[in-house]
Amino acid sequence: MKTETMENKVNLLESLLESTIEYGKSSAELAKLKALHKTSDIASSSLPHLVVYVVVIFFVLFISLGLALLLGTILENVFYGFFIIGAFYGITGLLMHFFMLKWMKRKFGDFIVKQLFK
């Protein structure tokens, strides 16, 4: 009789251990799937922005080249036009660095956090 109850307890413990191991594996798999879902969600929401940024960069590039050539023609030296456009972008970059860096970092950080907890 004691042997039967002891065997039942052993079987019960083995069953409990197997269930615990299976639960651990399932929890790990669920965590992987959740991480994959969040990563794909962030990537898919960032991709359209990236495409728009690339188009805007090409637009600004070609407008800048055209303006530089136009200014160079007006000033009778092509280099002057490129120097003026380069100086404009340099000053704009410095102003953005000194006055807008924290704002841009906060906006980007907020976007990432919003996507993670969506």
PDB file of N, CA and C in Angstrom:
ATOM      1  N   MET A   1       0.814  -1.185   0.000  1.00  0.00           N
ATOM      2  CA  MET A   1       0.000   0.000   0.000  1.00  0.00           C
ATOM      3  C   MET A   1       0.864   1.257   0.000  1.00  0.00           C
ATOM      4  N   LYS A   2       1.886   1.266   0.846  1.00  0.00           N
ATOM      5  CA  LYS A   2       2.772   2.412   0.898  1.00  0.00           C
ATOM      6  C   LYS A   2       3.510   2.566  -0.430  1.00  0.00           C
ATOM      7  N   THR A   3       3.822   1.456  -1.069  1.00  0.00           N
ATOM      8  CA  THR A   3       4.533   1.505  -2.340  1.00  0.00           C
ATOM      9  C   THR A   3       3.658   2.155  -3.406  1.00  0.00           C
ATOM     10  N   GLU A   4       2.370   1.831  -3.394  1.00  0.00           N
ATOM     11  CA  GLU A   4       1.453   2.416  -4.373  1.00  0.00           C
ATOM     12  C   GLU A   4       1.317   3.920  -4.160  1.00  0.00           C
ATOM     13  N   THR A   5       1.169   4.367  -2.942  1.00  0.00           N
ATOM     14  CA  THR A   5       1.034   5.806  -2.699  1.00  0.00           C
ATOM     15  C   THR A   5       2.337   6.529  -3.020  1.00  0.00           C
ATOM     16  N   MET A   6       3.454   5.852  -2.751  1.00  0.00           N
ATOM     17  CA  MET A   6       4.741   6.438  -3.071  1.00  0.00           C
ATOM     18  C   MET A   6       4.897   6.554  -4.583  1.00  0.00           C
ATOM     19  N   GLU A   7       4.475   5.523  -5.325  1.00  0.00           N
ATOM     20  CA  GLU A   7       4.536   5.564  -6.783  1.00  0.00           C
ATOM     21  C   GLU A   7       3.609   6.644  -7.328  1.00  0.00           C
ATOM     22  N   ASN A   8       2.448   6.779  -6.727  1.00  0.00           N
ATOM     23  CA  ASN A   8       1.515   7.833  -7.146  1.00  0.00           C
ATOM     24  C   ASN A   8       2.121   9.214  -6.943  1.00  0.00           C
ATOM     25  N   LYS A   9       2.791   9.386  -5.809  1.00  0.00           N
ATOM     26  CA  LYS A   9       3.427  10.673  -5.536  1.00  0.00           C
ATOM     27  C   LYS A   9       4.554  10.936  -6.521  1.00  0.00           C
ATOM     28  N   VAL A  10       5.335   9.903  -6.827  1.00  0.00           N
ATOM     29  CA  VAL A  10       6.420  10.049  -7.796  1.00  0.00           C
ATOM     30  C   VAL A  10       5.846  10.382  -9.165  1.00  0.00           C
ATOM     31  N   ASN A  11       4.815   9.700  -9.572  1.00  0.00           N
ATOM     32  CA  ASN A  11       4.173   9.967 -10.860  1.00  0.00           C
ATOM     33  C   ASN A  11       3.596  11.386 -10.899  1.00  0.00           C
ATOM     34  N   LEU A  12       3.007  11.779  -9.782  1.00  0.00           N
ATOM     35  CA  LEU A  12       2.446  13.124  -9.694  1.00  0.00           C
ATOM     36  C   LEU A  12       3.549  14.179  -9.799  1.00  0.00           C
ATOM     37  N   LEU A  13       4.666  13.956  -9.143  1.00  0.00           N
ATOM     38  CA  LEU A  13       5.793  14.887  -9.211  1.00  0.00           C
ATOM     39  C   LEU A  13       6.397  14.919 -10.613  1.00  0.00           C
ATOM     40  N   GLU A  14       6.511  13.756 -11.248  1.00  0.00           N
ATOM     41  CA  GLU A  14       7.029  13.716 -12.620  1.00  0.00           C
ATOM     42  C   GLU A  14       6.107  14.479 -13.568  1.00  0.00           C
ATOM     43  N   SER A  15       4.820  14.276 -13.386  1.00  0.00           N
ATOM     44  CA  SER A  15       3.838  14.983 -14.213  1.00  0.00           C
ATOM     45  C   SER A  15       3.923  16.494 -13.982  1.00  0.00           C
ATOM     46  N   LEU A  16       4.070  16.880 -12.732  1.00  0.00           N
ATOM     47  CA  LEU A  16       4.198  18.291 -12.396  1.00  0.00           C
ATOM     48  C   LEU A  16       5.477  18.884 -12.999  1.00  0.00           C
ATOM     49  N   LEU A  17       6.567  18.144 -12.926  1.00  0.00           N
ATOM     50  CA  LEU A  17       7.834  18.592 -13.488  1.00  0.00           C
ATOM     51  C   LEU A  17       7.734  18.737 -15.002  1.00  0.00           C
ATOM     52  N   GLU A  18       7.121  17.768 -15.667  1.00  0.00           N
ATOM     53  CA  GLU A  18       6.945  17.842 -17.116  1.00  0.00           C
ATOM     54  C   GLU A  18       6.078  19.039 -17.498  1.00  0.00           C
ATOM     55  N   SER A  19       5.023  19.271 -16.725  1.00  0.00           N
ATOM     56  CA  SER A  19       4.149  20.419 -17.007  1.00  0.00           C
ATOM     57  C   SER A  19       4.898  21.734 -16.814  1.00  0.00           C
ATOM     58  N   THR A  20       5.727  21.784 -15.779  1.00  0.00           N
ATOM     59  CA  THR A  20       6.507  22.997 -15.519  1.00  0.00           C
ATOM     60  C   THR A  20       7.501  23.250 -16.645  1.00  0.00           C
ATOM     61  N   ILE A  21       8.162  22.211 -17.110  1.00  0.00           N
ATOM     62  CA  ILE A  21       9.111  22.347 -18.224  1.00  0.00           C
ATOM     63  C   ILE A  21       8.377  22.803 -19.484  1.00  0.00           C
ATOM     64  N   GLU A  22       7.243  22.223 -19.757  1.00  0.00           N
ATOM     65  CA  GLU A  22       6.452  22.594 -20.929  1.00  0.00           C
ATOM     66  C   GLU A  22       5.977  24.045 -20.824  1.00  0.00           C
ATOM     67  N   TYR A  23       5.585  24.462 -19.630  1.00  0.00           N
ATOM     68  CA  TYR A  23       5.161  25.846 -19.405  1.00  0.00           C
ATOM     69  C   TYR A  23       6.332  26.801 -19.662  1.00  0.00           C
ATOM     70  N   GLY A  24       7.508  26.437 -19.196  1.00  0.00           N
ATOM     71  CA  GLY A  24       8.695  27.270 -19.423  1.00  0.00           C
ATOM     72  C   GLY A  24       9.006  27.413 -20.899  1.00  0.00           C
ATOM     73  N   LYS A  25       8.931  26.307 -21.630  1.00  0.00           N
ATOM     74  CA  LYS A  25       9.183  26.355 -23.073  1.00  0.00           C
ATOM     75  C   LYS A  25       8.136  27.212 -23.784  1.00  0.00           C
ATOM     76  N   SER A  26       6.886  27.056 -23.383  1.00  0.00           N
ATOM     77  CA  SER A  26       5.813  27.845 -23.993  1.00  0.00           C
ATOM     78  C   SER A  26       5.984  29.331 -23.689  1.00  0.00           C
ATOM     79  N   SER A  27       6.377  29.644 -22.467  1.00  0.00           N
ATOM     80  CA  SER A  27       6.589  31.048 -22.093  1.00  0.00           C
ATOM     81  C   SER A  27       7.739  31.649 -22.884  1.00  0.00           C
ATOM     82  N   ALA A  28       8.809  30.909 -23.067  1.00  0.00           N
ATOM     83  CA  ALA A  28       9.945  31.396 -23.848  1.00  0.00           C
ATOM     84  C   ALA A  28       9.538  31.611 -25.301  1.00  0.00           C
ATOM     85  N   GLU A  29       8.780  30.696 -25.851  1.00  0.00           N
ATOM     86  CA  GLU A  29       8.315  30.821 -27.232  1.00  0.00           C
ATOM     87  C   GLU A  29       7.393  32.031 -27.381  1.00  0.00           C
ATOM     88  N   LEU A  30       6.521  32.251 -26.406  1.00  0.00           N
ATOM     89  CA  LEU A  30       5.630  33.405 -26.438  1.00  0.00           C
ATOM     90  C   LEU A  30       6.426  34.708 -26.374  1.00  0.00           C
ATOM     91  N   ALA A  31       7.446  34.766 -25.540  1.00  0.00           N
ATOM     92  CA  ALA A  31       8.290  35.964 -25.446  1.00  0.00           C
ATOM     93  C   ALA A  31       8.990  36.234 -26.771  1.00  0.00           C
ATOM     94  N   LYS A  32       9.483  35.180 -27.424  1.00  0.00           N
ATOM     95  CA  LYS A  32      10.128  35.344 -28.731  1.00  0.00           C
ATOM     96  C   LYS A  32       9.142  35.901 -29.755  1.00  0.00           C
ATOM     97  N   LEU A  33       7.932  35.351 -29.764  1.00  0.00           N
ATOM     98  CA  LEU A  33       6.932  35.805 -30.730  1.00  0.00           C
ATOM     99  C   LEU A  33       6.513  37.249 -30.462  1.00  0.00           C
ATOM    100  N   LYS A  34       6.391  37.622 -29.199  1.00  0.00           N
ATOM    101  CA  LYS A  34       6.045  39.007 -28.871  1.00  0.00           C
ATOM    102  C   LYS A  34       7.156  39.962 -29.304  1.00  0.00           C
ATOM    103  N   ALA A  35       8.404  39.582 -29.078  1.00  0.00           N
ATOM    104  CA  ALA A  35       9.534  40.417 -29.489  1.00  0.00           C
ATOM    105  C   ALA A  35       9.576  40.548 -31.010  1.00  0.00           C
ATOM    106  N   LEU A  36       9.332  39.458 -31.709  1.00  0.00           N
ATOM    107  CA  LEU A  36       9.303  39.486 -33.169  1.00  0.00           C
ATOM    108  C   LEU A  36       8.183  40.395 -33.666  1.00  0.00           C
ATOM    109  N   HIS A  37       7.027  40.324 -33.021  1.00  0.00           N
ATOM    110  CA  HIS A  37       5.894  41.155 -33.413  1.00  0.00           C
ATOM    111  C   HIS A  37       6.214  42.640 -33.214  1.00  0.00           C
ATOM    112  N   LYS A  38       6.797  42.989 -32.087  1.00  0.00           N
ATOM    113  CA  LYS A  38       7.150  44.387 -31.817  1.00  0.00           C
ATOM    114  C   LYS A  38       8.207  44.877 -32.809  1.00  0.00           C
ATOM    115  N   THR A  39       9.194  44.045 -33.094  1.00  0.00           N
ATOM    116  CA  THR A  39      10.252  44.428 -34.033  1.00  0.00           C
ATOM    117  C   THR A  39       9.678  44.655 -35.422  1.00  0.00           C
ATOM    118  N   SER A  40       8.834  43.755 -35.870  1.00  0.00           N
ATOM    119  CA  SER A  40       8.249  43.909 -37.199  1.00  0.00           C
ATOM    120  C   SER A  40       7.305  45.106 -37.243  1.00  0.00           C
ATOM    121  N   ASP A  41       6.621  45.378 -36.136  1.00  0.00           N
ATOM    122  CA  ASP A  41       5.726  46.530 -36.071  1.00  0.00           C
ATOM    123  C   ASP A  41       6.513  47.830 -36.177  1.00  0.00           C
ATOM    124  N   ILE A  42       7.620  47.924 -35.456  1.00  0.00           N
ATOM    125  CA  ILE A  42       8.456  49.124 -35.518  1.00  0.00           C
ATOM    126  C   ILE A  42       9.057  49.286 -36.908  1.00  0.00           C
ATOM    127  N   ALA A  43       9.540  48.202 -37.477  1.00  0.00           N
ATOM    128  CA  ALA A  43      10.139  48.266 -38.814  1.00  0.00           C
ATOM    129  C   ALA A  43       9.099  48.661 -39.861  1.00  0.00           C
ATOM    130  N   SER A  44       7.912  48.094 -39.772  1.00  0.00           N
ATOM    131  CA  SER A  44       6.897  48.396 -40.782  1.00  0.00           C
ATOM    132  C   SER A  44       6.369  49.816 -40.638  1.00  0.00           C
ATOM    133  N   SER A  45       6.369  50.377 -39.437  1.00  0.00           N
ATOM    134  CA  SER A  45       5.925  51.756 -39.299  1.00  0.00           C
ATOM    135  C   SER A  45       7.045  52.734 -39.635  1.00  0.00           C
ATOM    136  N   SER A  46       8.291  52.301 -39.571  1.00  0.00           N
ATOM    137  CA  SER A  46       9.425  53.172 -39.903  1.00  0.00           C
ATOM    138  C   SER A  46       9.703  53.202 -41.397  1.00  0.00           C
ATOM    139  N   LEU A  47       9.391  52.143 -42.095  1.00  0.00           N
ATOM    140  CA  LEU A  47       9.703  52.053 -43.526  1.00  0.00           C
ATOM    141  C   LEU A  47       9.043  53.147 -44.359  1.00  0.00           C
ATOM    142  N   PRO A  48       7.745  53.438 -44.195  1.00  0.00           N
ATOM    143  CA  PRO A  48       7.166  54.528 -44.992  1.00  0.00           C
ATOM    144  C   PRO A  48       7.847  55.871 -44.729  1.00  0.00           C
ATOM    145  N   HIS A  49       8.217  56.130 -43.473  1.00  0.00           N
ATOM    146  CA  HIS A  49       8.930  57.368 -43.159  1.00  0.00           C
ATOM    147  C   HIS A  49      10.274  57.399 -43.872  1.00  0.00           C
ATOM    148  N   LEU A  50      10.947  56.279 -43.899  1.00  0.00           N
ATOM    149  CA  LEU A  50      12.247  56.197 -44.550  1.00  0.00           C
ATOM    150  C   LEU A  50      12.133  56.498 -46.051  1.00  0.00           C
ATOM    151  N   VAL A  51      11.111  55.966 -46.680  1.00  0.00           N
ATOM    152  CA  VAL A  51      10.903  56.202 -48.115  1.00  0.00           C
ATOM    153  C   VAL A  51      10.665  57.696 -48.364  1.00  0.00           C
ATOM    154  N   VAL A  52       9.849  58.319 -47.533  1.00  0.00           N
ATOM    155  CA  VAL A  52       9.577  59.752 -47.691  1.00  0.00           C
ATOM    156  C   VAL A  52      10.858  60.557 -47.476  1.00  0.00           C
ATOM    157  N   TYR A  53      11.654  60.180 -46.474  1.00  0.00           N
ATOM    158  CA  TYR A  53      12.908  60.889 -46.214  1.00  0.00           C
ATOM    159  C   TYR A  53      13.857  60.790 -47.402  1.00  0.00           C
ATOM    160  N   VAL A  54      13.944  59.630 -48.020  1.00  0.00           N
ATOM    161  CA  VAL A  54      14.824  59.455 -49.175  1.00  0.00           C
ATOM    162  C   VAL A  54      14.360  60.342 -50.331  1.00  0.00           C
ATOM    163  N   VAL A  55      13.057  60.402 -50.572  1.00  0.00           N
ATOM    164  CA  VAL A  55      12.527  61.245 -51.653  1.00  0.00           C
ATOM    165  C   VAL A  55      12.819  62.715 -51.359  1.00  0.00           C
ATOM    166  N   VAL A  56      12.614  63.130 -50.111  1.00  0.00           N
ATOM    167  CA  VAL A  56      12.886  64.522 -49.738  1.00  0.00           C
ATOM    168  C   VAL A  56      14.374  64.840 -49.876  1.00  0.00           C
ATOM    169  N   ILE A  57      15.228  63.910 -49.499  1.00  0.00           N
ATOM    170  CA  ILE A  57      16.677  64.129 -49.630  1.00  0.00           C
ATOM    171  C   ILE A  57      17.061  64.321 -51.096  1.00  0.00           C
ATOM    172  N   PHE A  58      16.521  63.495 -51.983  1.00  0.00           N
ATOM    173  CA  PHE A  58      16.826  63.664 -53.402  1.00  0.00           C
ATOM    174  C   PHE A  58      16.281  64.993 -53.926  1.00  0.00           C
ATOM    175  N   PHE A  59      15.099  65.370 -53.489  1.00  0.00           N
ATOM    176  CA  PHE A  59      14.517  66.651 -53.893  1.00  0.00           C
ATOM    177  C   PHE A  59      15.421  67.804 -53.473  1.00  0.00           C
ATOM    178  N   VAL A  60      15.828  67.806 -52.211  1.00  0.00           N
ATOM    179  CA  VAL A  60      16.695  68.870 -51.697  1.00  0.00           C
ATOM    180  C   VAL A  60      18.047  68.849 -52.415  1.00  0.00           C
ATOM    181  N   LEU A  61      18.563  67.680 -52.682  1.00  0.00           N
ATOM    182  CA  LEU A  61      19.846  67.569 -53.383  1.00  0.00           C
ATOM    183  C   LEU A  61      19.788  68.223 -54.760  1.00  0.00           C
ATOM    184  N   PHE A  62      18.761  67.883 -55.528  1.00  0.00           N
ATOM    185  CA  PHE A  62      18.684  68.421 -56.888  1.00  0.00           C
ATOM    186  C   PHE A  62      18.330  69.909 -56.892  1.00  0.00           C
ATOM    187  N   ILE A  63      17.495  70.344 -55.972  1.00  0.00           N
ATOM    188  CA  ILE A  63      17.209  71.779 -55.851  1.00  0.00           C
ATOM    189  C   ILE A  63      18.491  72.522 -55.482  1.00  0.00           C
ATOM    190  N   SER A  64      19.266  71.950 -54.560  1.00  0.00           N
ATOM    191  CA  SER A  64      20.524  72.585 -54.148  1.00  0.00           C
ATOM    192  C   SER A  64      21.510  72.681 -55.309  1.00  0.00           C
ATOM    193  N   LEU A  65      21.617  71.607 -56.071  1.00  0.00           N
ATOM    194  CA  LEU A  65      22.503  71.643 -57.239  1.00  0.00           C
ATOM    195  C   LEU A  65      22.054  72.708 -58.242  1.00  0.00           C
ATOM    196  N   GLY A  66      20.763  72.763 -58.483  1.00  0.00           N
ATOM    197  CA  GLY A  66      20.231  73.765 -59.418  1.00  0.00           C
ATOM    198  C   GLY A  66      20.468  75.182 -58.917  1.00  0.00           C
ATOM    199  N   LEU A  67      20.202  75.420 -57.636  1.00  0.00           N
ATOM    200  CA  LEU A  67      20.439  76.755 -57.079  1.00  0.00           C
ATOM    201  C   LEU A  67      21.918  77.124 -57.106  1.00  0.00           C
ATOM    202  N   ALA A  68      22.776  76.151 -56.787  1.00  0.00           N
ATOM    203  CA  ALA A  68      24.214  76.420 -56.802  1.00  0.00           C
ATOM    204  C   ALA A  68      24.669  76.783 -58.209  1.00  0.00           C
ATOM    205  N   LEU A  69      24.201  76.051 -59.207  1.00  0.00           N
ATOM    206  CA  LEU A  69      24.569  76.371 -60.587  1.00  0.00           C
ATOM    207  C   LEU A  69      24.001  77.727 -61.015  1.00  0.00           C
ATOM    208  N   LEU A  70      22.764  78.019 -60.595  1.00  0.00           N
ATOM    209  CA  LEU A  70      22.146  79.299 -60.931  1.00  0.00           C
ATOM    210  C   LEU A  70      22.914  80.459 -60.291  1.00  0.00           C
ATOM    211  N   LEU A  71      23.214  80.334 -58.996  1.00  0.00           N
ATOM    212  CA  LEU A  71      23.982  81.378 -58.313  1.00  0.00           C
ATOM    213  C   LEU A  71      25.371  81.530 -58.923  1.00  0.00           C
ATOM    214  N   GLY A  72      25.968  80.409 -59.275  1.00  0.00           N
ATOM    215  CA  GLY A  72      27.284  80.449 -59.914  1.00  0.00           C
ATOM    216  C   GLY A  72      27.250  81.162 -61.243  1.00  0.00           C
ATOM    217  N   THR A  73      26.188  80.950 -62.001  1.00  0.00           N
ATOM    218  CA  THR A  73      26.044  81.629 -63.289  1.00  0.00           C
ATOM    219  C   THR A  73      25.842  83.130 -63.074  1.00  0.00           C
ATOM    220  N   ILE A  74      25.022  83.498 -62.100  1.00  0.00           N
ATOM    221  CA  ILE A  74      24.772  84.916 -61.808  1.00  0.00           C
ATOM    222  C   ILE A  74      26.051  85.601 -61.322  1.00  0.00           C
ATOM    223  N   LEU A  75      26.824  84.905 -60.479  1.00  0.00           N
ATOM    224  CA  LEU A  75      28.059  85.479 -59.940  1.00  0.00           C
ATOM    225  C   LEU A  75      29.259  85.279 -60.864  1.00  0.00           C
ATOM    226  N   GLU A  76      29.030  84.638 -62.003  1.00  0.00           N
ATOM    227  CA  GLU A  76      30.037  84.393 -63.039  1.00  0.00           C
ATOM    228  C   GLU A  76      31.169  83.472 -62.590  1.00  0.00           C
ATOM    229  N   ASN A  77      30.903  82.675 -61.550  1.00  0.00           N
ATOM    230  CA  ASN A  77      31.867  81.660 -61.123  1.00  0.00           C
ATOM    231  C   ASN A  77      31.063  80.562 -60.411  1.00  0.00           C
ATOM    232  N   VAL A  78      31.060  79.373 -60.993  1.00  0.00           N
ATOM    233  CA  VAL A  78      30.230  78.275 -60.479  1.00  0.00           C
ATOM    234  C   VAL A  78      30.595  77.927 -59.040  1.00  0.00           C
ATOM    235  N   PHE A  79      31.864  78.047 -58.694  1.00  0.00           N
ATOM    236  CA  PHE A  79      32.295  77.693 -57.337  1.00  0.00           C
ATOM    237  C   PHE A  79      31.603  78.548 -56.279  1.00  0.00           C
ATOM    238  N   TYR A  80      31.364  79.819 -56.586  1.00  0.00           N
ATOM    239  CA  TYR A  80      30.720  80.702 -55.613  1.00  0.00           C
ATOM    240  C   TYR A  80      29.315  80.202 -55.260  1.00  0.00           C
ATOM    241  N   GLY A  81      28.613  79.735 -56.256  1.00  0.00           N
ATOM    242  CA  GLY A  81      27.266  79.218 -56.000  1.00  0.00           C
ATOM    243  C   GLY A  81      27.297  78.023 -55.059  1.00  0.00           C
ATOM    244  N   PHE A  82      28.238  77.119 -55.281  1.00  0.00           N
ATOM    245  CA  PHE A  82      28.345  75.945 -54.407  1.00  0.00           C
ATOM    246  C   PHE A  82      28.799  76.337 -53.004  1.00  0.00           C
ATOM    247  N   PHE A  83      29.698  77.340 -52.922  1.00  0.00           N
ATOM    248  CA  PHE A  83      30.125  77.796 -51.601  1.00  0.00           C
ATOM    249  C   PHE A  83      28.969  78.433 -50.834  1.00  0.00           C
ATOM    250  N   ILE A  84      28.156  79.205 -51.503  1.00  0.00           N
ATOM    251  CA  ILE A  84      27.016  79.853 -50.841  1.00  0.00           C
ATOM    252  C   ILE A  84      26.018  78.809 -50.356  1.00  0.00           C
ATOM    253  N   ILE A  85      25.686  77.842 -51.199  1.00  0.00           N
ATOM    254  CA  ILE A  85      24.745  76.789 -50.801  1.00  0.00           C
ATOM    255  C   ILE A  85      25.342  75.951 -49.667  1.00  0.00           C
ATOM    256  N   GLY A  86      26.624  75.639 -49.752  1.00  0.00           N
ATOM    257  CA  GLY A  86      27.291  74.893 -48.679  1.00  0.00           C
ATOM    258  C   GLY A  86      27.280  75.651 -47.372  1.00  0.00           C
ATOM    259  N   ALA A  87      27.519  76.964 -47.429  1.00  0.00           N
ATOM    260  CA  ALA A  87      27.486  77.791 -46.219  1.00  0.00           C
ATOM    261  C   ALA A  87      26.076  77.817 -45.627  1.00  0.00           C
ATOM    262  N   PHE A  88      25.065  77.902 -46.490  1.00  0.00           N
ATOM    263  CA  PHE A  88      23.679  77.885 -46.004  1.00  0.00           C
ATOM    264  C   PHE A  88      23.391  76.594 -45.236  1.00  0.00           C
ATOM    265  N   TYR A  89      23.778  75.446 -45.813  1.00  0.00           N
ATOM    266  CA  TYR A  89      23.540  74.177 -45.124  1.00  0.00           C
ATOM    267  C   TYR A  89      24.391  74.039 -43.867  1.00  0.00           C
ATOM    268  N   GLY A  90      25.602  74.574 -43.894  1.00  0.00           N
ATOM    269  CA  GLY A  90      26.444  74.531 -42.703  1.00  0.00           C
ATOM    270  C   GLY A  90      25.839  75.327 -41.562  1.00  0.00           C
ATOM    271  N   ILE A  91      25.378  76.530 -41.858  1.00  0.00           N
ATOM    272  CA  ILE A  91      24.749  77.366 -40.823  1.00  0.00           C
ATOM    273  C   ILE A  91      23.458  76.730 -40.336  1.00  0.00           C
ATOM    274  N   THR A  92      22.662  76.207 -41.262  1.00  0.00           N
ATOM    275  CA  THR A  92      21.421  75.526 -40.869  1.00  0.00           C
ATOM    276  C   THR A  92      21.716  74.327 -39.971  1.00  0.00           C
ATOM    277  N   GLY A  93      22.732  73.548 -40.316  1.00  0.00           N
ATOM    278  CA  GLY A  93      23.111  72.390 -39.498  1.00  0.00           C
ATOM    279  C   GLY A  93      23.569  72.788 -38.111  1.00  0.00           C
ATOM    280  N   LEU A  94      24.362  73.850 -38.024  1.00  0.00           N
ATOM    281  CA  LEU A  94      24.803  74.328 -36.708  1.00  0.00           C
ATOM    282  C   LEU A  94      23.632  74.821 -35.863  1.00  0.00           C
ATOM    283  N   LEU A  95      22.722  75.564 -36.482  1.00  0.00           N
ATOM    284  CA  LEU A  95      21.546  76.037 -35.741  1.00  0.00           C
ATOM    285  C   LEU A  95      20.695  74.863 -35.252  1.00  0.00           C
ATOM    286  N   MET A  96      20.508  73.876 -36.105  1.00  0.00           N
ATOM    287  CA  MET A  96      19.734  72.697 -35.695  1.00  0.00           C
ATOM    288  C   MET A  96      20.445  71.959 -34.567  1.00  0.00           C
ATOM    289  N   HIS A  97      21.767  71.857 -34.653  1.00  0.00           N
ATOM    290  CA  HIS A  97      22.524  71.153 -33.614  1.00  0.00           C
ATOM    291  C   HIS A  97      22.385  71.855 -32.265  1.00  0.00           C
ATOM    292  N   PHE A  98      22.508  73.158 -32.264  1.00  0.00           N
ATOM    293  CA  PHE A  98      22.505  73.877 -30.994  1.00  0.00           C
ATOM    294  C   PHE A  98      21.112  74.129 -30.439  1.00  0.00           C
ATOM    295  N   PHE A  99      20.104  74.265 -31.304  1.00  0.00           N
ATOM    296  CA  PHE A  99      18.784  74.640 -30.825  1.00  0.00           C
ATOM    297  C   PHE A  99      17.721  73.555 -30.929  1.00  0.00           C
ATOM    298  N   MET A 100      17.949  72.535 -31.733  1.00  0.00           N
ATOM    299  CA  MET A 100      16.896  71.537 -31.950  1.00  0.00           C
ATOM    300  C   MET A 100      17.310  70.117 -31.612  1.00  0.00           C
ATOM    301  N   LEU A 101      18.531  69.888 -31.159  1.00  0.00           N
ATOM    302  CA  LEU A 101      19.018  68.533 -30.918  1.00  0.00           C
ATOM    303  C   LEU A 101      18.192  67.825 -29.846  1.00  0.00           C
ATOM    304  N   LYS A 102      17.951  68.483 -28.714  1.00  0.00           N
ATOM    305  CA  LYS A 102      17.164  67.858 -27.641  1.00  0.00           C
ATOM    306  C   LYS A 102      15.743  67.563 -28.102  1.00  0.00           C
ATOM    307  N   TRP A 103      15.152  68.490 -28.862  1.00  0.00           N
ATOM    308  CA  TRP A 103      13.795  68.296 -29.347  1.00  0.00           C
ATOM    309  C   TRP A 103      13.723  67.089 -30.286  1.00  0.00           C
ATOM    310  N   MET A 104      14.706  66.972 -31.194  1.00  0.00           N
ATOM    311  CA  MET A 104      14.712  65.839 -32.132  1.00  0.00           C
ATOM    312  C   MET A 104      14.925  64.522 -31.399  1.00  0.00           C
ATOM    313  N   LYS A 105      15.826  64.508 -30.405  1.00  0.00           N
ATOM    314  CA  LYS A 105      16.063  63.287 -29.637  1.00  0.00           C
ATOM    315  C   LYS A 105      14.797  62.873 -28.882  1.00  0.00           C
ATOM    316  N   ARG A 106      14.102  63.840 -28.294  1.00  0.00           N
ATOM    317  CA  ARG A 106      12.878  63.538 -27.551  1.00  0.00           C
ATOM    318  C   ARG A 106      11.800  62.993 -28.482  1.00  0.00           C
ATOM    319  N   LYS A 107      11.636  63.622 -29.655  1.00  0.00           N
ATOM    320  CA  LYS A 107      10.622  63.154 -30.611  1.00  0.00           C
ATOM    321  C   LYS A 107      10.919  61.730 -31.074  1.00  0.00           C
ATOM    322  N   PHE A 108      12.183  61.445 -31.387  1.00  0.00           N
ATOM    323  CA  PHE A 108      12.555  60.105 -31.831  1.00  0.00           C
ATOM    324  C   PHE A 108      12.369  59.095 -30.704  1.00  0.00           C
ATOM    325  N   GLY A 109      12.773  59.456 -29.490  1.00  0.00           N
ATOM    326  CA  GLY A 109      12.599  58.565 -28.334  1.00  0.00           C
ATOM    327  C   GLY A 109      11.130  58.287 -28.053  1.00  0.00           C
ATOM    328  N   ASP A 110      10.301  59.337 -28.144  1.00  0.00           N
ATOM    329  CA  ASP A 110       8.863  59.154 -27.937  1.00  0.00           C
ATOM    330  C   ASP A 110       8.265  58.227 -28.987  1.00  0.00           C
ATOM    331  N   PHE A 111       8.730  58.361 -30.232  1.00  0.00           N
ATOM    332  CA  PHE A 111       8.236  57.496 -31.305  1.00  0.00           C
ATOM    333  C   PHE A 111       8.569  56.034 -31.019  1.00  0.00           C
ATOM    334  N   ILE A 112       9.797  55.764 -30.602  1.00  0.00           N
ATOM    335  CA  ILE A 112      10.215  54.386 -30.321  1.00  0.00           C
ATOM    336  C   ILE A 112       9.425  53.819 -29.152  1.00  0.00           C
ATOM    337  N   VAL A 113       9.283  54.595 -28.069  1.00  0.00           N
ATOM    338  CA  VAL A 113       8.540  54.120 -26.894  1.00  0.00           C
ATOM    339  C   VAL A 113       7.085  53.872 -27.257  1.00  0.00           C
ATOM    340  N   LYS A 114       6.501  54.776 -28.043  1.00  0.00           N
ATOM    341  CA  LYS A 114       5.101  54.605 -28.449  1.00  0.00           C
ATOM    342  C   LYS A 114       4.918  53.321 -29.257  1.00  0.00           C
ATOM    343  N   GLN A 115       5.893  53.022 -30.123  1.00  0.00           N
ATOM    344  CA  GLN A 115       5.805  51.808 -30.923  1.00  0.00           C
ATOM    345  C   GLN A 115       5.990  50.565 -30.066  1.00  0.00           C
ATOM    346  N   LEU A 116       6.839  50.643 -29.049  1.00  0.00           N
ATOM    347  CA  LEU A 116       7.074  49.485 -28.195  1.00  0.00           C
ATOM    348  C   LEU A 116       5.861  49.141 -27.344  1.00  0.00           C
ATOM    349  N   PHE A 117       5.142  50.166 -26.878  1.00  0.00           N
ATOM    350  CA  PHE A 117       3.999  49.922 -25.990  1.00  0.00           C
ATOM    351  C   PHE A 117       2.671  50.015 -26.710  1.00  0.00           C
ATOM    352  N   LYS A 118       2.679  49.931 -27.997  1.00  0.00           N
ATOM    353  CA  LYS A 118       1.464  49.979 -28.818  1.00  0.00           C
ATOM    354  C   LYS A 118       0.690  48.704 -28.699  1.00  0.00           C
TER     355      LYS A 118
END
